[in-house]
Amino acid sequence: MDFFASGLPVVTEEAPRTDTAPSEEDDEVVLMIKELLDTRIRPTVQEDGGDVIYKGFEDGIVQLKLQGSCTSCPSSIITLKNGIQNMLQFYIPEVEGVEQVVDDDEVEKGANST
């Protein structure tokens, strides 16, 4: 209880992003995708209470997972295609498209809620 009464912040700094951290396996295109996600796309999505997680890049398709308010937002597909895809394609010609990745547990939750 002393901690709560102290008035100190619960979190003192933002946790580092692991999904966009450069790795040795990343080629130049993947590094550019990750940088754009961190510097341009993620901050904009976070302003609306959501987040976007990088899941991979294969055959010209960037795989992303939407989180937060983006998961239940009816405009999320429009945001994904018109906003994120257009920006990635503008700066990175190798990007042919963007697709949303949904975890298995989210699919089960959706099936159980109907």
PDB file of N, CA and C in Angstrom:
ATOM      1  N   MET A   1       0.815  -1.195   0.000  1.00  0.00           N
ATOM      2  CA  MET A   1       0.000   0.000   0.000  1.00  0.00           C
ATOM      3  C   MET A   1       0.854   1.253   0.000  1.00  0.00           C
ATOM      4  N   ASP A   2       2.063   1.189   0.560  1.00  0.00           N
ATOM      5  CA  ASP A   2       2.920   2.370   0.607  1.00  0.00           C
ATOM      6  C   ASP A   2       3.218   2.903  -0.794  1.00  0.00           C
ATOM      7  N   PHE A   3       3.382   1.972  -1.759  1.00  0.00           N
ATOM      8  CA  PHE A   3       3.676   2.407  -3.120  1.00  0.00           C
ATOM      9  C   PHE A   3       2.536   3.244  -3.681  1.00  0.00           C
ATOM     10  N   PHE A   4       1.305   2.785  -3.498  1.00  0.00           N
ATOM     11  CA  PHE A   4       0.161   3.499  -4.043  1.00  0.00           C
ATOM     12  C   PHE A   4       0.002   4.873  -3.405  1.00  0.00           C
ATOM     13  N   ALA A   5       0.310   4.982  -2.144  1.00  0.00           N
ATOM     14  CA  ALA A   5       0.197   6.259  -1.446  1.00  0.00           C
ATOM     15  C   ALA A   5       1.353   7.202  -1.785  1.00  0.00           C
ATOM     16  N   SER A   6       2.426   6.673  -2.353  1.00  0.00           N
ATOM     17  CA  SER A   6       3.603   7.499  -2.624  1.00  0.00           C
ATOM     18  C   SER A   6       3.392   8.485  -3.766  1.00  0.00           C
ATOM     19  N   GLY A   7       2.459   8.181  -4.661  1.00  0.00           N
ATOM     20  CA  GLY A   7       2.226   9.053  -5.801  1.00  0.00           C
ATOM     21  C   GLY A   7       3.215   8.867  -6.935  1.00  0.00           C
ATOM     22  N   LEU A   8       4.086   7.882  -6.834  1.00  0.00           N
ATOM     23  CA  LEU A   8       5.045   7.609  -7.896  1.00  0.00           C
ATOM     24  C   LEU A   8       4.335   7.000  -9.100  1.00  0.00           C
ATOM     25  N   PRO A   9       4.841   7.236 -10.300  1.00  0.00           N
ATOM     26  CA  PRO A   9       4.210   6.638 -11.477  1.00  0.00           C
ATOM     27  C   PRO A   9       4.361   5.117 -11.466  1.00  0.00           C
ATOM     28  N   VAL A  10       3.355   4.444 -11.994  1.00  0.00           N
ATOM     29  CA  VAL A  10       3.383   2.985 -12.053  1.00  0.00           C
ATOM     30  C   VAL A  10       4.406   2.524 -13.083  1.00  0.00           C
ATOM     31  N   VAL A  11       4.442   3.206 -14.218  1.00  0.00           N
ATOM     32  CA  VAL A  11       5.393   2.888 -15.267  1.00  0.00           C
ATOM     33  C   VAL A  11       6.251   4.123 -15.491  1.00  0.00           C
ATOM     34  N   THR A  12       7.544   3.955 -15.431  1.00  0.00           N
ATOM     35  CA  THR A  12       8.425   5.110 -15.563  1.00  0.00           C
ATOM     36  C   THR A  12       8.894   5.350 -16.985  1.00  0.00           C
ATOM     37  N   GLU A  13       8.893   4.336 -17.806  1.00  0.00           N
ATOM     38  CA  GLU A  13       9.273   4.515 -19.199  1.00  0.00           C
ATOM     39  C   GLU A  13       8.550   3.485 -20.043  1.00  0.00           C
ATOM     40  N   GLU A  14       8.393   3.816 -21.312  1.00  0.00           N
ATOM     41  CA  GLU A  14       7.698   2.919 -22.218  1.00  0.00           C
ATOM     42  C   GLU A  14       8.555   1.688 -22.491  1.00  0.00           C
ATOM     43  N   ALA A  15       7.903   0.524 -22.515  1.00  0.00           N
ATOM     44  CA  ALA A  15       8.624  -0.715 -22.824  1.00  0.00           C
ATOM     45  C   ALA A  15       9.077  -0.677 -24.281  1.00  0.00           C
ATOM     46  N   PRO A  16      10.259  -1.163 -24.573  1.00  0.00           N
ATOM     47  CA  PRO A  16      10.730  -1.155 -25.955  1.00  0.00           C
ATOM     48  C   PRO A  16       9.886  -2.084 -26.824  1.00  0.00           C
ATOM     49  N   ARG A  17       9.660  -1.684 -28.060  1.00  0.00           N
ATOM     50  CA  ARG A  17       8.893  -2.495 -29.007  1.00  0.00           C
ATOM     51  C   ARG A  17       9.770  -3.654 -29.462  1.00  0.00           C
ATOM     52  N   THR A  18       9.254  -4.854 -29.368  1.00  0.00           N
ATOM     53  CA  THR A  18      10.033  -6.000 -29.823  1.00  0.00           C
ATOM     54  C   THR A  18       9.661  -6.395 -31.243  1.00  0.00           C
ATOM     55  N   ASP A  19       8.438  -6.074 -31.676  1.00  0.00           N
ATOM     56  CA  ASP A  19       8.006  -6.486 -33.008  1.00  0.00           C
ATOM     57  C   ASP A  19       8.744  -5.737 -34.113  1.00  0.00           C
ATOM     58  N   THR A  20       9.187  -4.524 -33.850  1.00  0.00           N
ATOM     59  CA  THR A  20       9.885  -3.752 -34.875  1.00  0.00           C
ATOM     60  C   THR A  20      11.371  -3.566 -34.572  1.00  0.00           C
ATOM     61  N   ALA A  21      11.865  -4.270 -33.583  1.00  0.00           N
ATOM     62  CA  ALA A  21      13.303  -4.211 -33.292  1.00  0.00           C
ATOM     63  C   ALA A  21      14.059  -4.900 -34.428  1.00  0.00           C
ATOM     64  N   PRO A  22      15.098  -4.260 -34.939  1.00  0.00           N
ATOM     65  CA  PRO A  22      15.862  -4.882 -36.028  1.00  0.00           C
ATOM     66  C   PRO A  22      16.493  -6.196 -35.585  1.00  0.00           C
ATOM     67  N   SER A  23      16.483  -7.164 -36.491  1.00  0.00           N
ATOM     68  CA  SER A  23      17.147  -8.433 -36.209  1.00  0.00           C
ATOM     69  C   SER A  23      18.119  -8.740 -37.345  1.00  0.00           C
ATOM     70  N   GLU A  24      18.990  -9.689 -37.117  1.00  0.00           N
ATOM     71  CA  GLU A  24      20.011 -10.033 -38.108  1.00  0.00           C
ATOM     72  C   GLU A  24      19.413 -10.615 -39.384  1.00  0.00           C
ATOM     73  N   GLU A  25      18.229 -11.222 -39.282  1.00  0.00           N
ATOM     74  CA  GLU A  25      17.603 -11.834 -40.454  1.00  0.00           C
ATOM     75  C   GLU A  25      16.906 -10.819 -41.351  1.00  0.00           C
ATOM     76  N   ASP A  26      16.707  -9.587 -40.874  1.00  0.00           N
ATOM     77  CA  ASP A  26      15.964  -8.583 -41.632  1.00  0.00           C
ATOM     78  C   ASP A  26      16.766  -8.095 -42.833  1.00  0.00           C
ATOM     79  N   ASP A  27      16.108  -8.075 -43.998  1.00  0.00           N
ATOM     80  CA  ASP A  27      16.745  -7.455 -45.151  1.00  0.00           C
ATOM     81  C   ASP A  27      16.393  -5.965 -45.159  1.00  0.00           C
ATOM     82  N   GLU A  28      16.854  -5.256 -46.173  1.00  0.00           N
ATOM     83  CA  GLU A  28      16.661  -3.803 -46.226  1.00  0.00           C
ATOM     84  C   GLU A  28      15.181  -3.422 -46.281  1.00  0.00           C
ATOM     85  N   VAL A  29      14.382  -4.185 -47.015  1.00  0.00           N
ATOM     86  CA  VAL A  29      12.951  -3.888 -47.130  1.00  0.00           C
ATOM     87  C   VAL A  29      12.264  -4.025 -45.776  1.00  0.00           C
ATOM     88  N   VAL A  30      12.535  -5.093 -45.060  1.00  0.00           N
ATOM     89  CA  VAL A  30      11.922  -5.310 -43.749  1.00  0.00           C
ATOM     90  C   VAL A  30      12.343  -4.214 -42.778  1.00  0.00           C
ATOM     91  N   LEU A  31      13.589  -3.810 -42.827  1.00  0.00           N
ATOM     92  CA  LEU A  31      14.053  -2.722 -41.960  1.00  0.00           C
ATOM     93  C   LEU A  31      13.306  -1.424 -42.262  1.00  0.00           C
ATOM     94  N   MET A  32      13.057  -1.149 -43.551  1.00  0.00           N
ATOM     95  CA  MET A  32      12.305   0.060 -43.914  1.00  0.00           C
ATOM     96  C   MET A  32      10.861  -0.029 -43.436  1.00  0.00           C
ATOM     97  N   ILE A  33      10.249  -1.213 -43.563  1.00  0.00           N
ATOM     98  CA  ILE A  33       8.876  -1.411 -43.092  1.00  0.00           C
ATOM     99  C   ILE A  33       8.803  -1.149 -41.595  1.00  0.00           C
ATOM    100  N   LYS A  34       9.717  -1.731 -40.851  1.00  0.00           N
ATOM    101  CA  LYS A  34       9.721  -1.568 -39.394  1.00  0.00           C
ATOM    102  C   LYS A  34       9.926  -0.108 -38.995  1.00  0.00           C
ATOM    103  N   GLU A  35      10.807   0.584 -39.705  1.00  0.00           N
ATOM    104  CA  GLU A  35      11.049   1.991 -39.385  1.00  0.00           C
ATOM    105  C   GLU A  35       9.806   2.841 -39.651  1.00  0.00           C
ATOM    106  N   LEU A  36       9.140   2.603 -40.775  1.00  0.00           N
ATOM    107  CA  LEU A  36       7.912   3.345 -41.075  1.00  0.00           C
ATOM    108  C   LEU A  36       6.825   3.061 -40.050  1.00  0.00           C
ATOM    109  N   LEU A  37       6.709   1.810 -39.645  1.00  0.00           N
ATOM    110  CA  LEU A  37       5.722   1.466 -38.621  1.00  0.00           C
ATOM    111  C   LEU A  37       5.993   2.241 -37.338  1.00  0.00           C
ATOM    112  N   ASP A  38       7.240   2.291 -36.919  1.00  0.00           N
ATOM    113  CA  ASP A  38       7.595   2.972 -35.671  1.00  0.00           C
ATOM    114  C   ASP A  38       7.466   4.486 -35.747  1.00  0.00           C
ATOM    115  N   THR A  39       7.866   5.069 -36.869  1.00  0.00           N
ATOM    116  CA  THR A  39       7.956   6.528 -36.934  1.00  0.00           C
ATOM    117  C   THR A  39       6.716   7.214 -37.476  1.00  0.00           C
ATOM    118  N   ARG A  40       5.974   6.574 -38.353  1.00  0.00           N
ATOM    119  CA  ARG A  40       4.836   7.225 -38.995  1.00  0.00           C
ATOM    120  C   ARG A  40       3.488   6.580 -38.684  1.00  0.00           C
ATOM    121  N   ILE A  41       3.429   5.265 -38.796  1.00  0.00           N
ATOM    122  CA  ILE A  41       2.134   4.588 -38.733  1.00  0.00           C
ATOM    123  C   ILE A  41       1.676   4.379 -37.300  1.00  0.00           C
ATOM    124  N   ARG A  42       2.505   3.782 -36.467  1.00  0.00           N
ATOM    125  CA  ARG A  42       2.125   3.472 -35.088  1.00  0.00           C
ATOM    126  C   ARG A  42       1.685   4.716 -34.310  1.00  0.00           C
ATOM    127  N   PRO A  43       2.416   5.828 -34.358  1.00  0.00           N
ATOM    128  CA  PRO A  43       1.964   7.007 -33.602  1.00  0.00           C
ATOM    129  C   PRO A  43       0.572   7.489 -34.011  1.00  0.00           C
ATOM    130  N   THR A  44       0.265   7.419 -35.292  1.00  0.00           N
ATOM    131  CA  THR A  44      -1.048   7.846 -35.766  1.00  0.00           C
ATOM    132  C   THR A  44      -2.141   6.914 -35.265  1.00  0.00           C
ATOM    133  N   VAL A  45      -1.908   5.618 -35.338  1.00  0.00           N
ATOM    134  CA  VAL A  45      -2.893   4.639 -34.870  1.00  0.00           C
ATOM    135  C   VAL A  45      -3.075   4.752 -33.356  1.00  0.00           C
ATOM    136  N   GLN A  46      -1.999   5.003 -32.631  1.00  0.00           N
ATOM    137  CA  GLN A  46      -2.075   5.119 -31.173  1.00  0.00           C
ATOM    138  C   GLN A  46      -2.859   6.351 -30.736  1.00  0.00           C
ATOM    139  N   GLU A  47      -2.886   7.396 -31.556  1.00  0.00           N
ATOM    140  CA  GLU A  47      -3.680   8.579 -31.233  1.00  0.00           C
ATOM    141  C   GLU A  47      -5.158   8.238 -31.109  1.00  0.00           C
ATOM    142  N   ASP A  48      -5.598   7.212 -31.829  1.00  0.00           N
ATOM    143  CA  ASP A  48      -6.995   6.781 -31.786  1.00  0.00           C
ATOM    144  C   ASP A  48      -7.217   5.629 -30.813  1.00  0.00           C
ATOM    145  N   GLY A  49      -6.227   5.324 -29.979  1.00  0.00           N
ATOM    146  CA  GLY A  49      -6.384   4.290 -28.962  1.00  0.00           C
ATOM    147  C   GLY A  49      -6.080   2.885 -29.428  1.00  0.00           C
ATOM    148  N   GLY A  50      -5.450   2.756 -30.573  1.00  0.00           N
ATOM    149  CA  GLY A  50      -5.118   1.429 -31.082  1.00  0.00           C
ATOM    150  C   GLY A  50      -3.620   1.234 -31.178  1.00  0.00           C
ATOM    151  N   ASP A  51      -3.244   0.139 -31.787  1.00  0.00           N
ATOM    152  CA  ASP A  51      -1.837  -0.140 -32.040  1.00  0.00           C
ATOM    153  C   ASP A  51      -1.748  -1.123 -33.192  1.00  0.00           C
ATOM    154  N   VAL A  52      -0.600  -1.187 -33.795  1.00  0.00           N
ATOM    155  CA  VAL A  52      -0.365  -2.100 -34.900  1.00  0.00           C
ATOM    156  C   VAL A  52       0.932  -2.845 -34.609  1.00  0.00           C
ATOM    157  N   ILE A  53       0.878  -4.170 -34.753  1.00  0.00           N
ATOM    158  CA  ILE A  53       2.016  -5.034 -34.448  1.00  0.00           C
ATOM    159  C   ILE A  53       2.491  -5.702 -35.741  1.00  0.00           C
ATOM    160  N   TYR A  54       3.777  -5.580 -36.011  1.00  0.00           N
ATOM    161  CA  TYR A  54       4.375  -6.208 -37.186  1.00  0.00           C
ATOM    162  C   TYR A  54       4.493  -7.710 -36.957  1.00  0.00           C
ATOM    163  N   LYS A  55       3.967  -8.502 -37.905  1.00  0.00           N
ATOM    164  CA  LYS A  55       4.028  -9.960 -37.792  1.00  0.00           C
ATOM    165  C   LYS A  55       4.892 -10.614 -38.863  1.00  0.00           C
ATOM    166  N   GLY A  56       5.126  -9.918 -39.971  1.00  0.00           N
ATOM    167  CA  GLY A  56       5.980 -10.507 -40.989  1.00  0.00           C
ATOM    168  C   GLY A  56       5.820  -9.845 -42.346  1.00  0.00           C
ATOM    169  N   PHE A  57       6.696 -10.241 -43.271  1.00  0.00           N
ATOM    170  CA  PHE A  57       6.664  -9.763 -44.653  1.00  0.00           C
ATOM    171  C   PHE A  57       7.036 -10.930 -45.542  1.00  0.00           C
ATOM    172  N   GLU A  58       6.088 -11.314 -46.403  1.00  0.00           N
ATOM    173  CA  GLU A  58       6.313 -12.479 -47.259  1.00  0.00           C
ATOM    174  C   GLU A  58       5.620 -12.269 -48.595  1.00  0.00           C
ATOM    175  N   ASP A  59       6.339 -12.509 -49.672  1.00  0.00           N
ATOM    176  CA  ASP A  59       5.808 -12.395 -51.030  1.00  0.00           C
ATOM    177  C   ASP A  59       5.141 -11.045 -51.285  1.00  0.00           C
ATOM    178  N   GLY A  60       5.735  -9.975 -50.778  1.00  0.00           N
ATOM    179  CA  GLY A  60       5.214  -8.635 -51.009  1.00  0.00           C
ATOM    180  C   GLY A  60       4.093  -8.209 -50.082  1.00  0.00           C
ATOM    181  N   ILE A  61       3.671  -9.080 -49.183  1.00  0.00           N
ATOM    182  CA  ILE A  61       2.556  -8.793 -48.273  1.00  0.00           C
ATOM    183  C   ILE A  61       3.081  -8.559 -46.858  1.00  0.00           C
ATOM    184  N   VAL A  62       2.712  -7.405 -46.294  1.00  0.00           N
ATOM    185  CA  VAL A  62       3.057  -7.090 -44.908  1.00  0.00           C
ATOM    186  C   VAL A  62       1.934  -7.619 -44.026  1.00  0.00           C
ATOM    187  N   GLN A  63       2.277  -8.407 -43.035  1.00  0.00           N
ATOM    188  CA  GLN A  63       1.291  -8.976 -42.116  1.00  0.00           C
ATOM    189  C   GLN A  63       1.319  -8.190 -40.815  1.00  0.00           C
ATOM    190  N   LEU A  64       0.144  -7.658 -40.439  1.00  0.00           N
ATOM    191  CA  LEU A  64       0.027  -6.817 -39.256  1.00  0.00           C
ATOM    192  C   LEU A  64      -1.121  -7.278 -38.383  1.00  0.00           C
ATOM    193  N   LYS A  65      -0.972  -7.087 -37.100  1.00  0.00           N
ATOM    194  CA  LYS A  65      -2.041  -7.372 -36.145  1.00  0.00           C
ATOM    195  C   LYS A  65      -2.496  -6.044 -35.555  1.00  0.00           C
ATOM    196  N   LEU A  66      -3.788  -5.791 -35.594  1.00  0.00           N
ATOM    197  CA  LEU A  66      -4.346  -4.582 -35.006  1.00  0.00           C
ATOM    198  C   LEU A  66      -4.728  -4.862 -33.568  1.00  0.00           C
ATOM    199  N   GLN A  67      -4.464  -3.901 -32.685  1.00  0.00           N
ATOM    200  CA  GLN A  67      -4.774  -4.068 -31.264  1.00  0.00           C
ATOM    201  C   GLN A  67      -5.537  -2.857 -30.743  1.00  0.00           C
ATOM    202  N   GLY A  68      -6.038  -3.000 -29.521  1.00  0.00           N
ATOM    203  CA  GLY A  68      -6.730  -1.899 -28.857  1.00  0.00           C
ATOM    204  C   GLY A  68      -8.044  -1.575 -29.531  1.00  0.00           C
ATOM    205  N   SER A  69      -8.336  -0.296 -29.655  1.00  0.00           N
ATOM    206  CA  SER A  69      -9.611   0.107 -30.233  1.00  0.00           C
ATOM    207  C   SER A  69      -9.727  -0.292 -31.699  1.00  0.00           C
ATOM    208  N   CYS A  70      -8.610  -0.599 -32.339  1.00  0.00           N
ATOM    209  CA  CYS A  70      -8.633  -1.003 -33.748  1.00  0.00           C
ATOM    210  C   CYS A  70      -9.295  -2.366 -33.957  1.00  0.00           C
ATOM    211  N   THR A  71      -9.268  -3.218 -32.945  1.00  0.00           N
ATOM    212  CA  THR A  71      -9.815  -4.565 -33.128  1.00  0.00           C
ATOM    213  C   THR A  71     -11.323  -4.554 -33.258  1.00  0.00           C
ATOM    214  N   SER A  72     -11.999  -3.621 -32.605  1.00  0.00           N
ATOM    215  CA  SER A  72     -13.456  -3.581 -32.660  1.00  0.00           C
ATOM    216  C   SER A  72     -13.978  -2.463 -33.547  1.00  0.00           C
ATOM    217  N   CYS A  73     -13.084  -1.695 -34.141  1.00  0.00           N
ATOM    218  CA  CYS A  73     -13.484  -0.552 -34.960  1.00  0.00           C
ATOM    219  C   CYS A  73     -13.954  -1.027 -36.331  1.00  0.00           C
ATOM    220  N   PRO A  74     -15.150  -0.585 -36.757  1.00  0.00           N
ATOM    221  CA  PRO A  74     -15.631  -0.995 -38.075  1.00  0.00           C
ATOM    222  C   PRO A  74     -14.784  -0.429 -39.221  1.00  0.00           C
ATOM    223  N   SER A  75     -14.024   0.607 -38.952  1.00  0.00           N
ATOM    224  CA  SER A  75     -13.178   1.219 -39.983  1.00  0.00           C
ATOM    225  C   SER A  75     -11.786   0.606 -40.055  1.00  0.00           C
ATOM    226  N   SER A  76     -11.528  -0.444 -39.286  1.00  0.00           N
ATOM    227  CA  SER A  76     -10.164  -0.983 -39.213  1.00  0.00           C
ATOM    228  C   SER A  76      -9.664  -1.497 -40.560  1.00  0.00           C
ATOM    229  N   ILE A  77     -10.520  -2.101 -41.356  1.00  0.00           N
ATOM    230  CA  ILE A  77     -10.094  -2.598 -42.669  1.00  0.00           C
ATOM    231  C   ILE A  77      -9.754  -1.424 -43.581  1.00  0.00           C
ATOM    232  N   ILE A  78     -10.544  -0.358 -43.504  1.00  0.00           N
ATOM    233  CA  ILE A  78     -10.265   0.835 -44.305  1.00  0.00           C
ATOM    234  C   ILE A  78      -8.939   1.453 -43.868  1.00  0.00           C
ATOM    235  N   THR A  79      -8.722   1.531 -42.547  1.00  0.00           N
ATOM    236  CA  THR A  79      -7.454   2.050 -42.018  1.00  0.00           C
ATOM    237  C   THR A  79      -6.298   1.202 -42.520  1.00  0.00           C
ATOM    238  N   LEU A  80      -6.475  -0.110 -42.479  1.00  0.00           N
ATOM    239  CA  LEU A  80      -5.421  -1.032 -42.889  1.00  0.00           C
ATOM    240  C   LEU A  80      -5.090  -0.851 -44.366  1.00  0.00           C
ATOM    241  N   LYS A  81      -6.103  -0.832 -45.209  1.00  0.00           N
ATOM    242  CA  LYS A  81      -5.883  -0.772 -46.654  1.00  0.00           C
ATOM    243  C   LYS A  81      -5.554   0.639 -47.135  1.00  0.00           C
ATOM    244  N   ASN A  82      -6.399   1.616 -46.802  1.00  0.00           N
ATOM    245  CA  ASN A  82      -6.204   2.966 -47.334  1.00  0.00           C
ATOM    246  C   ASN A  82      -5.086   3.724 -46.638  1.00  0.00           C
ATOM    247  N   GLY A  83      -4.981   3.582 -45.338  1.00  0.00           N
ATOM    248  CA  GLY A  83      -3.969   4.334 -44.609  1.00  0.00           C
ATOM    249  C   GLY A  83      -2.618   3.656 -44.600  1.00  0.00           C
ATOM    250  N   ILE A  84      -2.553   2.508 -43.966  1.00  0.00           N
ATOM    251  CA  ILE A  84      -1.274   1.821 -43.762  1.00  0.00           C
ATOM    252  C   ILE A  84      -0.695   1.299 -45.076  1.00  0.00           C
ATOM    253  N   GLN A  85      -1.511   0.610 -45.859  1.00  0.00           N
ATOM    254  CA  GLN A  85      -1.016   0.040 -47.114  1.00  0.00           C
ATOM    255  C   GLN A  85      -0.536   1.133 -48.062  1.00  0.00           C
ATOM    256  N   ASN A  86      -1.324   2.206 -48.207  1.00  0.00           N
ATOM    257  CA  ASN A  86      -0.917   3.280 -49.118  1.00  0.00           C
ATOM    258  C   ASN A  86       0.403   3.911 -48.697  1.00  0.00           C
ATOM    259  N   MET A  87       0.582   4.136 -47.396  1.00  0.00           N
ATOM    260  CA  MET A  87       1.831   4.746 -46.935  1.00  0.00           C
ATOM    261  C   MET A  87       3.019   3.814 -47.180  1.00  0.00           C
ATOM    262  N   LEU A  88       2.859   2.538 -46.848  1.00  0.00           N
ATOM    263  CA  LEU A  88       3.951   1.591 -47.063  1.00  0.00           C
ATOM    264  C   LEU A  88       4.302   1.493 -48.547  1.00  0.00           C
ATOM    265  N   GLN A  89       3.285   1.438 -49.416  1.00  0.00           N
ATOM    266  CA  GLN A  89       3.545   1.321 -50.848  1.00  0.00           C
ATOM    267  C   GLN A  89       4.183   2.588 -51.419  1.00  0.00           C
ATOM    268  N   PHE A  90       3.843   3.744 -50.861  1.00  0.00           N
ATOM    269  CA  PHE A  90       4.421   5.003 -51.326  1.00  0.00           C
ATOM    270  C   PHE A  90       5.928   5.027 -51.090  1.00  0.00           C
ATOM    271  N   TYR A  91       6.345   4.602 -49.914  1.00  0.00           N
ATOM    272  CA  TYR A  91       7.762   4.651 -49.550  1.00  0.00           C
ATOM    273  C   TYR A  91       8.538   3.388 -49.924  1.00  0.00           C
ATOM    274  N   ILE A  92       7.843   2.259 -50.020  1.00  0.00           N
ATOM    275  CA  ILE A  92       8.525   0.978 -50.256  1.00  0.00           C
ATOM    276  C   ILE A  92       7.828   0.257 -51.413  1.00  0.00           C
ATOM    277  N   PRO A  93       8.336   0.383 -52.635  1.00  0.00           N
ATOM    278  CA  PRO A  93       7.673  -0.208 -53.802  1.00  0.00           C
ATOM    279  C   PRO A  93       7.537  -1.729 -53.745  1.00  0.00           C
ATOM    280  N   GLU A  94       8.368  -2.398 -52.947  1.00  0.00           N
ATOM    281  CA  GLU A  94       8.292  -3.860 -52.842  1.00  0.00           C
ATOM    282  C   GLU A  94       7.029  -4.332 -52.123  1.00  0.00           C
ATOM    283  N   VAL A  95       6.373  -3.442 -51.402  1.00  0.00           N
ATOM    284  CA  VAL A  95       5.147  -3.806 -50.686  1.00  0.00           C
ATOM    285  C   VAL A  95       3.992  -3.835 -51.682  1.00  0.00           C
ATOM    286  N   GLU A  96       3.386  -5.009 -51.830  1.00  0.00           N
ATOM    287  CA  GLU A  96       2.259  -5.183 -52.744  1.00  0.00           C
ATOM    288  C   GLU A  96       0.921  -5.096 -52.026  1.00  0.00           C
ATOM    289  N   GLY A  97       0.920  -5.353 -50.726  1.00  0.00           N
ATOM    290  CA  GLY A  97      -0.331  -5.306 -49.980  1.00  0.00           C
ATOM    291  C   GLY A  97      -0.093  -5.477 -48.495  1.00  0.00           C
ATOM    292  N   VAL A  98      -1.182  -5.333 -47.754  1.00  0.00           N
ATOM    293  CA  VAL A  98      -1.158  -5.484 -46.299  1.00  0.00           C
ATOM    294  C   VAL A  98      -2.316  -6.384 -45.919  1.00  0.00           C
ATOM    295  N   GLU A  99      -2.075  -7.322 -45.005  1.00  0.00           N
ATOM    296  CA  GLU A  99      -3.166  -8.168 -44.527  1.00  0.00           C
ATOM    297  C   GLU A  99      -3.163  -8.202 -43.012  1.00  0.00           C
ATOM    298  N   GLN A 100      -4.371  -8.305 -42.473  1.00  0.00           N
ATOM    299  CA  GLN A 100      -4.528  -8.362 -41.022  1.00  0.00           C
ATOM    300  C   GLN A 100      -4.357  -9.795 -40.543  1.00  0.00           C
ATOM    301  N   VAL A 101      -3.582  -9.967 -39.481  1.00  0.00           N
ATOM    302  CA  VAL A 101      -3.360 -11.267 -38.864  1.00  0.00           C
ATOM    303  C   VAL A 101      -4.180 -11.316 -37.588  1.00  0.00           C
ATOM    304  N   VAL A 102      -4.914 -12.410 -37.404  1.00  0.00           N
ATOM    305  CA  VAL A 102      -5.719 -12.595 -36.198  1.00  0.00           C
ATOM    306  C   VAL A 102      -5.222 -13.846 -35.497  1.00  0.00           C
ATOM    307  N   ASP A 103      -4.947 -13.736 -34.199  1.00  0.00           N
ATOM    308  CA  ASP A 103      -4.500 -14.886 -33.420  1.00  0.00           C
ATOM    309  C   ASP A 103      -5.632 -15.893 -33.266  1.00  0.00           C
ATOM    310  N   ASP A 104      -5.267 -17.158 -33.035  1.00  0.00           N
ATOM    311  CA  ASP A 104      -6.262 -18.213 -32.874  1.00  0.00           C
ATOM    312  C   ASP A 104      -7.204 -17.943 -31.710  1.00  0.00           C
ATOM    313  N   ASP A 105      -6.702 -17.411 -30.593  1.00  0.00           N
ATOM    314  CA  ASP A 105      -7.558 -17.160 -29.438  1.00  0.00           C
ATOM    315  C   ASP A 105      -8.574 -16.058 -29.723  1.00  0.00           C
ATOM    316  N   GLU A 106      -8.254 -15.111 -30.605  1.00  0.00           N
ATOM    317  CA  GLU A 106      -9.204 -14.071 -30.978  1.00  0.00           C
ATOM    318  C   GLU A 106     -10.307 -14.633 -31.858  1.00  0.00           C
ATOM    319  N   VAL A 107      -9.958 -15.596 -32.715  1.00  0.00           N
ATOM    320  CA  VAL A 107     -10.960 -16.239 -33.557  1.00  0.00           C
ATOM    321  C   VAL A 107     -11.962 -16.982 -32.677  1.00  0.00           C
ATOM    322  N   GLU A 108     -11.446 -17.695 -31.651  1.00  0.00           N
ATOM    323  CA  GLU A 108     -12.320 -18.427 -30.735  1.00  0.00           C
ATOM    324  C   GLU A 108     -13.225 -17.480 -29.960  1.00  0.00           C
ATOM    325  N   LYS A 109     -12.698 -16.346 -29.500  1.00  0.00           N
ATOM    326  CA  LYS A 109     -13.509 -15.369 -28.773  1.00  0.00           C
ATOM    327  C   LYS A 109     -14.635 -14.857 -29.646  1.00  0.00           C
ATOM    328  N   GLY A 110     -14.321 -14.568 -30.907  1.00  0.00           N
ATOM    329  CA  GLY A 110     -15.336 -14.082 -31.832  1.00  0.00           C
ATOM    330  C   GLY A 110     -16.411 -15.118 -32.088  1.00  0.00           C
ATOM    331  N   ALA A 111     -16.026 -16.383 -32.180  1.00  0.00           N
ATOM    332  CA  ALA A 111     -16.995 -17.454 -32.411  1.00  0.00           C
ATOM    333  C   ALA A 111     -17.878 -17.664 -31.192  1.00  0.00           C
ATOM    334  N   ASN A 112     -17.322 -17.505 -30.002  1.00  0.00           N
ATOM    335  CA  ASN A 112     -18.090 -17.697 -28.774  1.00  0.00           C
ATOM    336  C   ASN A 112     -19.014 -16.535 -28.466  1.00  0.00           C
ATOM    337  N   SER A 113     -18.750 -15.357 -29.016  1.00  0.00           N
ATOM    338  CA  SER A 113     -19.580 -14.197 -28.701  1.00  0.00           C
ATOM    339  C   SER A 113     -20.793 -14.087 -29.601  1.00  0.00           C
ATOM    340  N   THR A 114     -20.900 -14.901 -30.648  1.00  0.00           N
ATOM    341  CA  THR A 114     -22.049 -14.828 -31.549  1.00  0.00           C
ATOM    342  C   THR A 114     -23.127 -15.790 -31.164  1.00  0.00           C
TER     343      THR A 114
END
